[in-house]
Amino acid sequence: MIVADASDLVPHRMKLEQLLERRDTIYNNLHDVRFEYRSGIYSEGEFETMKTALQNEPALALAEIDLVTDAPVSPPCGARSVDGSAQ
């Protein structure tokens, strides 16, 4: 789960900027979890639990970005899906 930091409360930050940062953070978290699993840090069960908890978040972030921009937004360049395939 992503926790907002204090900078998100600063009034001058635009909503879109916050959402794009959130999107990037989610993809980074998914990448890290996959890497740590492949490195043997997590068991398969732990990985599946974390993956399941994280995999819906990118879609929610992208949907919010779509609402703010009135246009579909793609995942960040080089982002990979939860299973590791390129998007």
PDB file of N, CA and C in Angstrom:
ATOM      1  N   MET A   1       0.851  -1.169   0.000  1.00  0.00           N
ATOM      2  CA  MET A   1       0.000   0.000   0.000  1.00  0.00           C
ATOM      3  C   MET A   1       0.893   1.227   0.000  1.00  0.00           C
ATOM      4  N   ILE A   2       0.541   2.205  -0.756  1.00  0.00           N
ATOM      5  CA  ILE A   2       1.327   3.419  -0.854  1.00  0.00           C
ATOM      6  C   ILE A   2       0.822   4.417   0.168  1.00  0.00           C
ATOM      7  N   VAL A   3       1.752   4.994   0.903  1.00  0.00           N
ATOM      8  CA  VAL A   3       1.423   5.987   1.913  1.00  0.00           C
ATOM      9  C   VAL A   3       1.851   7.352   1.384  1.00  0.00           C
ATOM     10  N   ALA A   4       0.951   8.323   1.468  1.00  0.00           N
ATOM     11  CA  ALA A   4       1.269   9.673   1.013  1.00  0.00           C
ATOM     12  C   ALA A   4       2.296  10.293   1.948  1.00  0.00           C
ATOM     13  N   ASP A   5       3.223  11.052   1.373  1.00  0.00           N
ATOM     14  CA  ASP A   5       4.190  11.748   2.215  1.00  0.00           C
ATOM     15  C   ASP A   5       3.739  13.188   2.433  1.00  0.00           C
ATOM     16  N   ALA A   6       4.437  13.904   3.297  1.00  0.00           N
ATOM     17  CA  ALA A   6       4.047  15.258   3.666  1.00  0.00           C
ATOM     18  C   ALA A   6       4.008  16.194   2.468  1.00  0.00           C
ATOM     19  N   SER A   7       4.845  15.964   1.459  1.00  0.00           N
ATOM     20  CA  SER A   7       4.864  16.852   0.292  1.00  0.00           C
ATOM     21  C   SER A   7       3.560  16.785  -0.490  1.00  0.00           C
ATOM     22  N   ASP A   8       2.791  15.718  -0.334  1.00  0.00           N
ATOM     23  CA  ASP A   8       1.508  15.626  -1.021  1.00  0.00           C
ATOM     24  C   ASP A   8       0.495  16.622  -0.461  1.00  0.00           C
ATOM     25  N   LEU A   9       0.750  17.144   0.724  1.00  0.00           N
ATOM     26  CA  LEU A   9      -0.171  18.068   1.353  1.00  0.00           C
ATOM     27  C   LEU A   9       0.116  19.522   1.000  1.00  0.00           C
ATOM     28  N   VAL A  10       1.213  19.777   0.311  1.00  0.00           N
ATOM     29  CA  VAL A  10       1.566  21.133  -0.078  1.00  0.00           C
ATOM     30  C   VAL A  10       0.552  21.605  -1.120  1.00  0.00           C
ATOM     31  N   PRO A  11      -0.084  22.762  -0.883  1.00  0.00           N
ATOM     32  CA  PRO A  11      -1.169  23.197  -1.772  1.00  0.00           C
ATOM     33  C   PRO A  11      -0.764  23.417  -3.226  1.00  0.00           C
ATOM     34  N   HIS A  12       0.475  23.788  -3.492  1.00  0.00           N
ATOM     35  CA  HIS A  12       0.848  24.116  -4.861  1.00  0.00           C
ATOM     36  C   HIS A  12       1.077  22.894  -5.743  1.00  0.00           C
ATOM     37  N   ARG A  13       1.145  21.727  -5.147  1.00  0.00           N
ATOM     38  CA  ARG A  13       1.330  20.528  -5.985  1.00  0.00           C
ATOM     39  C   ARG A  13       0.045  20.242  -6.734  1.00  0.00           C
ATOM     40  N   MET A  14       0.196  20.050  -7.990  1.00  0.00           N
ATOM     41  CA  MET A  14      -0.973  19.765  -8.816  1.00  0.00           C
ATOM     42  C   MET A  14      -1.406  18.313  -8.645  1.00  0.00           C
ATOM     43  N   LYS A  15      -2.683  18.090  -8.767  1.00  0.00           N
ATOM     44  CA  LYS A  15      -3.231  16.742  -8.649  1.00  0.00           C
ATOM     45  C   LYS A  15      -2.600  15.799  -9.666  1.00  0.00           C
ATOM     46  N   LEU A  16      -2.424  16.245 -10.888  1.00  0.00           N
ATOM     47  CA  LEU A  16      -1.835  15.387 -11.916  1.00  0.00           C
ATOM     48  C   LEU A  16      -0.419  14.994 -11.538  1.00  0.00           C
ATOM     49  N   GLU A  17       0.359  15.931 -11.035  1.00  0.00           N
ATOM     50  CA  GLU A  17       1.729  15.637 -10.620  1.00  0.00           C
ATOM     51  C   GLU A  17       1.739  14.558  -9.536  1.00  0.00           C
ATOM     52  N   GLN A  18       0.838  14.663  -8.590  1.00  0.00           N
ATOM     53  CA  GLN A  18       0.742  13.663  -7.526  1.00  0.00           C
ATOM     54  C   GLN A  18       0.382  12.296  -8.092  1.00  0.00           C
ATOM     55  N   LEU A  19      -0.552  12.259  -9.023  1.00  0.00           N
ATOM     56  CA  LEU A  19      -0.986  10.991  -9.602  1.00  0.00           C
ATOM     57  C   LEU A  19       0.111  10.347 -10.449  1.00  0.00           C
ATOM     58  N   LEU A  20       0.826  11.153 -11.211  1.00  0.00           N
ATOM     59  CA  LEU A  20       1.922  10.600 -12.018  1.00  0.00           C
ATOM     60  C   LEU A  20       3.025  10.049 -11.120  1.00  0.00           C
ATOM     61  N   GLU A  21       3.312  10.746 -10.042  1.00  0.00           N
ATOM     62  CA  GLU A  21       4.313  10.254  -9.091  1.00  0.00           C
ATOM     63  C   GLU A  21       3.840   8.958  -8.449  1.00  0.00           C
ATOM     64  N   ARG A  22       2.563   8.897  -8.117  1.00  0.00           N
ATOM     65  CA  ARG A  22       1.990   7.680  -7.525  1.00  0.00           C
ATOM     66  C   ARG A  22       2.096   6.510  -8.499  1.00  0.00           C
ATOM     67  N   ARG A  23       1.752   6.764  -9.765  1.00  0.00           N
ATOM     68  CA  ARG A  23       1.852   5.725 -10.795  1.00  0.00           C
ATOM     69  C   ARG A  23       3.278   5.186 -10.883  1.00  0.00           C
ATOM     70  N   ASP A  24       4.241   6.075 -10.945  1.00  0.00           N
ATOM     71  CA  ASP A  24       5.637   5.659 -11.055  1.00  0.00           C
ATOM     72  C   ASP A  24       6.088   4.877  -9.825  1.00  0.00           C
ATOM     73  N   THR A  25       5.644   5.306  -8.650  1.00  0.00           N
ATOM     74  CA  THR A  25       5.997   4.615  -7.414  1.00  0.00           C
ATOM     75  C   THR A  25       5.422   3.205  -7.394  1.00  0.00           C
ATOM     76  N   ILE A  26       4.196   3.068  -7.852  1.00  0.00           N
ATOM     77  CA  ILE A  26       3.558   1.745  -7.892  1.00  0.00           C
ATOM     78  C   ILE A  26       4.345   0.808  -8.806  1.00  0.00           C
ATOM     79  N   TYR A  27       4.698   1.283 -10.002  1.00  0.00           N
ATOM     80  CA  TYR A  27       5.461   0.435 -10.917  1.00  0.00           C
ATOM     81  C   TYR A  27       6.836   0.092 -10.346  1.00  0.00           C
ATOM     82  N   ASN A  28       7.453   1.038  -9.670  1.00  0.00           N
ATOM     83  CA  ASN A  28       8.748   0.759  -9.026  1.00  0.00           C
ATOM     84  C   ASN A  28       8.585  -0.297  -7.933  1.00  0.00           C
ATOM     85  N   ASN A  29       7.514  -0.201  -7.153  1.00  0.00           N
ATOM     86  CA  ASN A  29       7.263  -1.186  -6.101  1.00  0.00           C
ATOM     87  C   ASN A  29       7.053  -2.577  -6.684  1.00  0.00           C
ATOM     88  N   LEU A  30       6.302  -2.649  -7.772  1.00  0.00           N
ATOM     89  CA  LEU A  30       6.086  -3.944  -8.418  1.00  0.00           C
ATOM     90  C   LEU A  30       7.397  -4.522  -8.935  1.00  0.00           C
ATOM     91  N   HIS A  31       8.214  -3.693  -9.517  1.00  0.00           N
ATOM     92  CA  HIS A  31       9.522  -4.130 -10.017  1.00  0.00           C
ATOM     93  C   HIS A  31      10.382  -4.636  -8.859  1.00  0.00           C
ATOM     94  N   ASP A  32      10.406  -3.906  -7.756  1.00  0.00           N
ATOM     95  CA  ASP A  32      11.212  -4.294  -6.601  1.00  0.00           C
ATOM     96  C   ASP A  32      10.765  -5.629  -6.008  1.00  0.00           C
ATOM     97  N   VAL A  33       9.459  -5.811  -5.888  1.00  0.00           N
ATOM     98  CA  VAL A  33       8.931  -7.060  -5.329  1.00  0.00           C
ATOM     99  C   VAL A  33       9.309  -8.235  -6.218  1.00  0.00           C
ATOM    100  N   ARG A  34       9.185  -8.053  -7.528  1.00  0.00           N
ATOM    101  CA  ARG A  34       9.547  -9.119  -8.464  1.00  0.00           C
ATOM    102  C   ARG A  34      11.043  -9.437  -8.373  1.00  0.00           C
ATOM    103  N   PHE A  35      11.877  -8.406  -8.313  1.00  0.00           N
ATOM    104  CA  PHE A  35      13.320  -8.602  -8.201  1.00  0.00           C
ATOM    105  C   PHE A  35      13.681  -9.321  -6.896  1.00  0.00           C
ATOM    106  N   GLU A  36      13.082  -8.896  -5.788  1.00  0.00           N
ATOM    107  CA  GLU A  36      13.372  -9.510  -4.498  1.00  0.00           C
ATOM    108  C   GLU A  36      12.920 -10.966  -4.453  1.00  0.00           C
ATOM    109  N   TYR A  37      11.810 -11.275  -5.106  1.00  0.00           N
ATOM    110  CA  TYR A  37      11.353 -12.665  -5.186  1.00  0.00           C
ATOM    111  C   TYR A  37      12.358 -13.503  -5.979  1.00  0.00           C
ATOM    112  N   ARG A  38      12.774 -12.984  -7.118  1.00  0.00           N
ATOM    113  CA  ARG A  38      13.738 -13.713  -7.949  1.00  0.00           C
ATOM    114  C   ARG A  38      15.090 -13.851  -7.267  1.00  0.00           C
ATOM    115  N   SER A  39      15.396 -12.945  -6.350  1.00  0.00           N
ATOM    116  CA  SER A  39      16.658 -12.994  -5.602  1.00  0.00           C
ATOM    117  C   SER A  39      16.581 -13.939  -4.410  1.00  0.00           C
ATOM    118  N   GLY A  40      15.406 -14.483  -4.160  1.00  0.00           N
ATOM    119  CA  GLY A  40      15.244 -15.434  -3.073  1.00  0.00           C
ATOM    120  C   GLY A  40      14.893 -14.803  -1.735  1.00  0.00           C
ATOM    121  N   ILE A  41      14.604 -13.519  -1.721  1.00  0.00           N
ATOM    122  CA  ILE A  41      14.265 -12.843  -0.471  1.00  0.00           C
ATOM    123  C   ILE A  41      12.887 -13.260   0.014  1.00  0.00           C
ATOM    124  N   TYR A  42      11.966 -13.466  -0.927  1.00  0.00           N
ATOM    125  CA  TYR A  42      10.601 -13.850  -0.576  1.00  0.00           C
ATOM    126  C   TYR A  42      10.295 -15.246  -1.077  1.00  0.00           C
ATOM    127  N   SER A  43       9.465 -15.947  -0.313  1.00  0.00           N
ATOM    128  CA  SER A  43       8.972 -17.243  -0.776  1.00  0.00           C
ATOM    129  C   SER A  43       7.911 -16.985  -1.848  1.00  0.00           C
ATOM    130  N   GLU A  44       7.521 -18.047  -2.542  1.00  0.00           N
ATOM    131  CA  GLU A  44       6.494 -17.886  -3.572  1.00  0.00           C
ATOM    132  C   GLU A  44       5.191 -17.387  -2.969  1.00  0.00           C
ATOM    133  N   GLY A  45       4.855 -17.899  -1.801  1.00  0.00           N
ATOM    134  CA  GLY A  45       3.620 -17.467  -1.127  1.00  0.00           C
ATOM    135  C   GLY A  45       3.656 -15.999  -0.749  1.00  0.00           C
ATOM    136  N   GLU A  46       4.787 -15.545  -0.211  1.00  0.00           N
ATOM    137  CA  GLU A  46       4.928 -14.128   0.143  1.00  0.00           C
ATOM    138  C   GLU A  46       4.834 -13.258  -1.108  1.00  0.00           C
ATOM    139  N   PHE A  47       5.500 -13.699  -2.177  1.00  0.00           N
ATOM    140  CA  PHE A  47       5.468 -12.950  -3.427  1.00  0.00           C
ATOM    141  C   PHE A  47       4.047 -12.840  -3.962  1.00  0.00           C
ATOM    142  N   GLU A  48       3.324 -13.946  -3.973  1.00  0.00           N
ATOM    143  CA  GLU A  48       1.953 -13.930  -4.492  1.00  0.00           C
ATOM    144  C   GLU A  48       1.069 -12.998  -3.673  1.00  0.00           C
ATOM    145  N   THR A  49       1.259 -12.998  -2.354  1.00  0.00           N
ATOM    146  CA  THR A  49       0.475 -12.117  -1.490  1.00  0.00           C
ATOM    147  C   THR A  49       0.750 -10.651  -1.806  1.00  0.00           C
ATOM    148  N   MET A  50       2.030 -10.298  -1.913  1.00  0.00           N
ATOM    149  CA  MET A  50       2.397  -8.914  -2.216  1.00  0.00           C
ATOM    150  C   MET A  50       1.964  -8.526  -3.620  1.00  0.00           C
ATOM    151  N   LYS A  51       2.138  -9.426  -4.572  1.00  0.00           N
ATOM    152  CA  LYS A  51       1.756  -9.145  -5.957  1.00  0.00           C
ATOM    153  C   LYS A  51       0.260  -8.874  -6.042  1.00  0.00           C
ATOM    154  N   THR A  52      -0.522  -9.700  -5.376  1.00  0.00           N
ATOM    155  CA  THR A  52      -1.968  -9.530  -5.392  1.00  0.00           C
ATOM    156  C   THR A  52      -2.362  -8.186  -4.779  1.00  0.00           C
ATOM    157  N   ALA A  53      -1.692  -7.822  -3.693  1.00  0.00           N
ATOM    158  CA  ALA A  53      -2.001  -6.556  -3.035  1.00  0.00           C
ATOM    159  C   ALA A  53      -1.651  -5.360  -3.917  1.00  0.00           C
ATOM    160  N   LEU A  54      -0.607  -5.498  -4.732  1.00  0.00           N
ATOM    161  CA  LEU A  54      -0.136  -4.374  -5.550  1.00  0.00           C
ATOM    162  C   LEU A  54      -0.736  -4.307  -6.951  1.00  0.00           C
ATOM    163  N   GLN A  55      -1.194  -5.414  -7.499  1.00  0.00           N
ATOM    164  CA  GLN A  55      -1.504  -5.431  -8.919  1.00  0.00           C
ATOM    165  C   GLN A  55      -2.720  -4.607  -9.323  1.00  0.00           C
ATOM    166  N   ASN A  56      -3.620  -4.298  -8.433  1.00  0.00           N
ATOM    167  CA  ASN A  56      -4.768  -3.467  -8.801  1.00  0.00           C
ATOM    168  C   ASN A  56      -4.452  -1.977  -8.738  1.00  0.00           C
ATOM    169  N   GLU A  57      -3.407  -1.606  -8.009  1.00  0.00           N
ATOM    170  CA  GLU A  57      -3.093  -0.197  -7.818  1.00  0.00           C
ATOM    171  C   GLU A  57      -2.744   0.550  -9.107  1.00  0.00           C
ATOM    172  N   PRO A  58      -1.969  -0.035 -10.046  1.00  0.00           N
ATOM    173  CA  PRO A  58      -1.675   0.720 -11.274  1.00  0.00           C
ATOM    174  C   PRO A  58      -2.931   1.092 -12.058  1.00  0.00           C
ATOM    175  N   ALA A  59      -3.872   0.191 -12.147  1.00  0.00           N
ATOM    176  CA  ALA A  59      -5.100   0.481 -12.887  1.00  0.00           C
ATOM    177  C   ALA A  59      -5.882   1.611 -12.228  1.00  0.00           C
ATOM    178  N   LEU A  60      -5.918   1.623 -10.909  1.00  0.00           N
ATOM    179  CA  LEU A  60      -6.620   2.688 -10.203  1.00  0.00           C
ATOM    180  C   LEU A  60      -5.939   4.033 -10.419  1.00  0.00           C
ATOM    181  N   ALA A  61      -4.616   4.049 -10.352  1.00  0.00           N
ATOM    182  CA  ALA A  61      -3.874   5.293 -10.569  1.00  0.00           C
ATOM    183  C   ALA A  61      -4.077   5.802 -11.990  1.00  0.00           C
ATOM    184  N   LEU A  62      -3.989   4.898 -12.979  1.00  0.00           N
ATOM    185  CA  LEU A  62      -4.182   5.306 -14.370  1.00  0.00           C
ATOM    186  C   LEU A  62      -5.603   5.812 -14.604  1.00  0.00           C
ATOM    187  N   ALA A  63      -6.585   5.196 -13.960  1.00  0.00           N
ATOM    188  CA  ALA A  63      -7.972   5.644 -14.105  1.00  0.00           C
ATOM    189  C   ALA A  63      -8.138   7.055 -13.528  1.00  0.00           C
ATOM    190  N   GLU A  64      -7.507   7.323 -12.395  1.00  0.00           N
ATOM    191  CA  GLU A  64      -7.574   8.660 -11.810  1.00  0.00           C
ATOM    192  C   GLU A  64      -6.891   9.686 -12.711  1.00  0.00           C
ATOM    193  N   ILE A  65      -5.759   9.309 -13.293  1.00  0.00           N
ATOM    194  CA  ILE A  65      -5.058  10.210 -14.213  1.00  0.00           C
ATOM    195  C   ILE A  65      -5.947  10.496 -15.423  1.00  0.00           C
ATOM    196  N   ASP A  66      -6.600   9.465 -15.948  1.00  0.00           N
ATOM    197  CA  ASP A  66      -7.514   9.645 -17.071  1.00  0.00           C
ATOM    198  C   ASP A  66      -8.609  10.662 -16.740  1.00  0.00           C
ATOM    199  N   LEU A  67      -9.142  10.584 -15.513  1.00  0.00           N
ATOM    200  CA  LEU A  67     -10.191  11.516 -15.100  1.00  0.00           C
ATOM    201  C   LEU A  67      -9.676  12.948 -15.046  1.00  0.00           C
ATOM    202  N   VAL A  68      -8.459  13.133 -14.537  1.00  0.00           N
ATOM    203  CA  VAL A  68      -7.883  14.466 -14.394  1.00  0.00           C
ATOM    204  C   VAL A  68      -7.532  15.063 -15.753  1.00  0.00           C
ATOM    205  N   THR A  69      -7.032  14.234 -16.666  1.00  0.00           N
ATOM    206  CA  THR A  69      -6.557  14.737 -17.954  1.00  0.00           C
ATOM    207  C   THR A  69      -7.583  14.616 -19.073  1.00  0.00           C
ATOM    208  N   ASP A  70      -8.656  13.896 -18.849  1.00  0.00           N
ATOM    209  CA  ASP A  70      -9.652  13.616 -19.884  1.00  0.00           C
ATOM    210  C   ASP A  70      -9.048  12.904 -21.087  1.00  0.00           C
ATOM    211  N   ALA A  71      -7.972  12.148 -20.849  1.00  0.00           N
ATOM    212  CA  ALA A  71      -7.320  11.387 -21.917  1.00  0.00           C
ATOM    213  C   ALA A  71      -6.672  10.156 -21.315  1.00  0.00           C
ATOM    214  N   PRO A  72      -6.648   9.038 -22.057  1.00  0.00           N
ATOM    215  CA  PRO A  72      -5.984   7.835 -21.544  1.00  0.00           C
ATOM    216  C   PRO A  72      -4.489   8.076 -21.377  1.00  0.00           C
ATOM    217  N   VAL A  73      -3.941   7.537 -20.294  1.00  0.00           N
ATOM    218  CA  VAL A  73      -2.514   7.659 -20.003  1.00  0.00           C
ATOM    219  C   VAL A  73      -1.905   6.275 -19.962  1.00  0.00           C
ATOM    220  N   SER A  74      -0.746   6.121 -20.556  1.00  0.00           N
ATOM    221  CA  SER A  74      -0.054   4.845 -20.595  1.00  0.00           C
ATOM    222  C   SER A  74       0.824   4.672 -19.366  1.00  0.00           C
ATOM    223  N   PRO A  75       1.217   3.417 -19.095  1.00  0.00           N
ATOM    224  CA  PRO A  75       2.208   3.187 -18.049  1.00  0.00           C
ATOM    225  C   PRO A  75       3.499   3.911 -18.408  1.00  0.00           C
ATOM    226  N   PRO A  76       4.356   4.172 -17.426  1.00  0.00           N
ATOM    227  CA  PRO A  76       5.610   4.853 -17.722  1.00  0.00           C
ATOM    228  C   PRO A  76       6.467   4.041 -18.688  1.00  0.00           C
ATOM    229  N   CYS A  77       7.309   4.715 -19.437  1.00  0.00           N
ATOM    230  CA  CYS A  77       8.191   4.069 -20.403  1.00  0.00           C
ATOM    231  C   CYS A  77       9.038   3.013 -19.708  1.00  0.00           C
ATOM    232  N   GLY A  78       9.061   1.813 -20.272  1.00  0.00           N
ATOM    233  CA  GLY A  78       9.871   0.736 -19.714  1.00  0.00           C
ATOM    234  C   GLY A  78       9.178  -0.033 -18.612  1.00  0.00           C
ATOM    235  N   ALA A  79       7.945   0.329 -18.265  1.00  0.00           N
ATOM    236  CA  ALA A  79       7.227  -0.375 -17.192  1.00  0.00           C
ATOM    237  C   ALA A  79       6.925  -1.792 -17.637  1.00  0.00           C
ATOM    238  N   ARG A  80       6.936  -2.669 -16.682  1.00  0.00           N
ATOM    239  CA  ARG A  80       6.613  -4.063 -16.937  1.00  0.00           C
ATOM    240  C   ARG A  80       5.389  -4.437 -16.123  1.00  0.00           C
ATOM    241  N   SER A  81       4.660  -5.398 -16.612  1.00  0.00           N
ATOM    242  CA  SER A  81       3.502  -5.876 -15.867  1.00  0.00           C
ATOM    243  C   SER A  81       3.987  -6.669 -14.673  1.00  0.00           C
ATOM    244  N   VAL A  82       3.061  -7.060 -13.828  1.00  0.00           N
ATOM    245  CA  VAL A  82       3.402  -7.809 -12.621  1.00  0.00           C
ATOM    246  C   VAL A  82       4.101  -9.107 -12.949  1.00  0.00           C
ATOM    247  N   ASP A  83       3.760  -9.737 -14.083  1.00  0.00           N
ATOM    248  CA  ASP A  83       4.398 -10.996 -14.430  1.00  0.00           C
ATOM    249  C   ASP A  83       5.766 -10.810 -15.080  1.00  0.00           C
ATOM    250  N   GLY A  84       6.168  -9.546 -15.267  1.00  0.00           N
ATOM    251  CA  GLY A  84       7.508  -9.278 -15.788  1.00  0.00           C
ATOM    252  C   GLY A  84       7.574  -8.999 -17.272  1.00  0.00           C
ATOM    253  N   SER A  85       6.448  -9.125 -17.964  1.00  0.00           N
ATOM    254  CA  SER A  85       6.470  -8.872 -19.401  1.00  0.00           C
ATOM    255  C   SER A  85       6.385  -7.371 -19.675  1.00  0.00           C
ATOM    256  N   ALA A  86       6.994  -6.952 -20.770  1.00  0.00           N
ATOM    257  CA  ALA A  86       6.969  -5.534 -21.136  1.00  0.00           C
ATOM    258  C   ALA A  86       5.565  -5.156 -21.544  1.00  0.00           C
ATOM    259  N   GLN A  87       5.192  -3.894 -21.293  1.00  0.00           N
ATOM    260  CA  GLN A  87       3.871  -3.427 -21.672  1.00  0.00           C
ATOM    261  C   GLN A  87       3.950  -2.560 -22.888  1.00  0.00           C
TER     262      GLN A  87
END
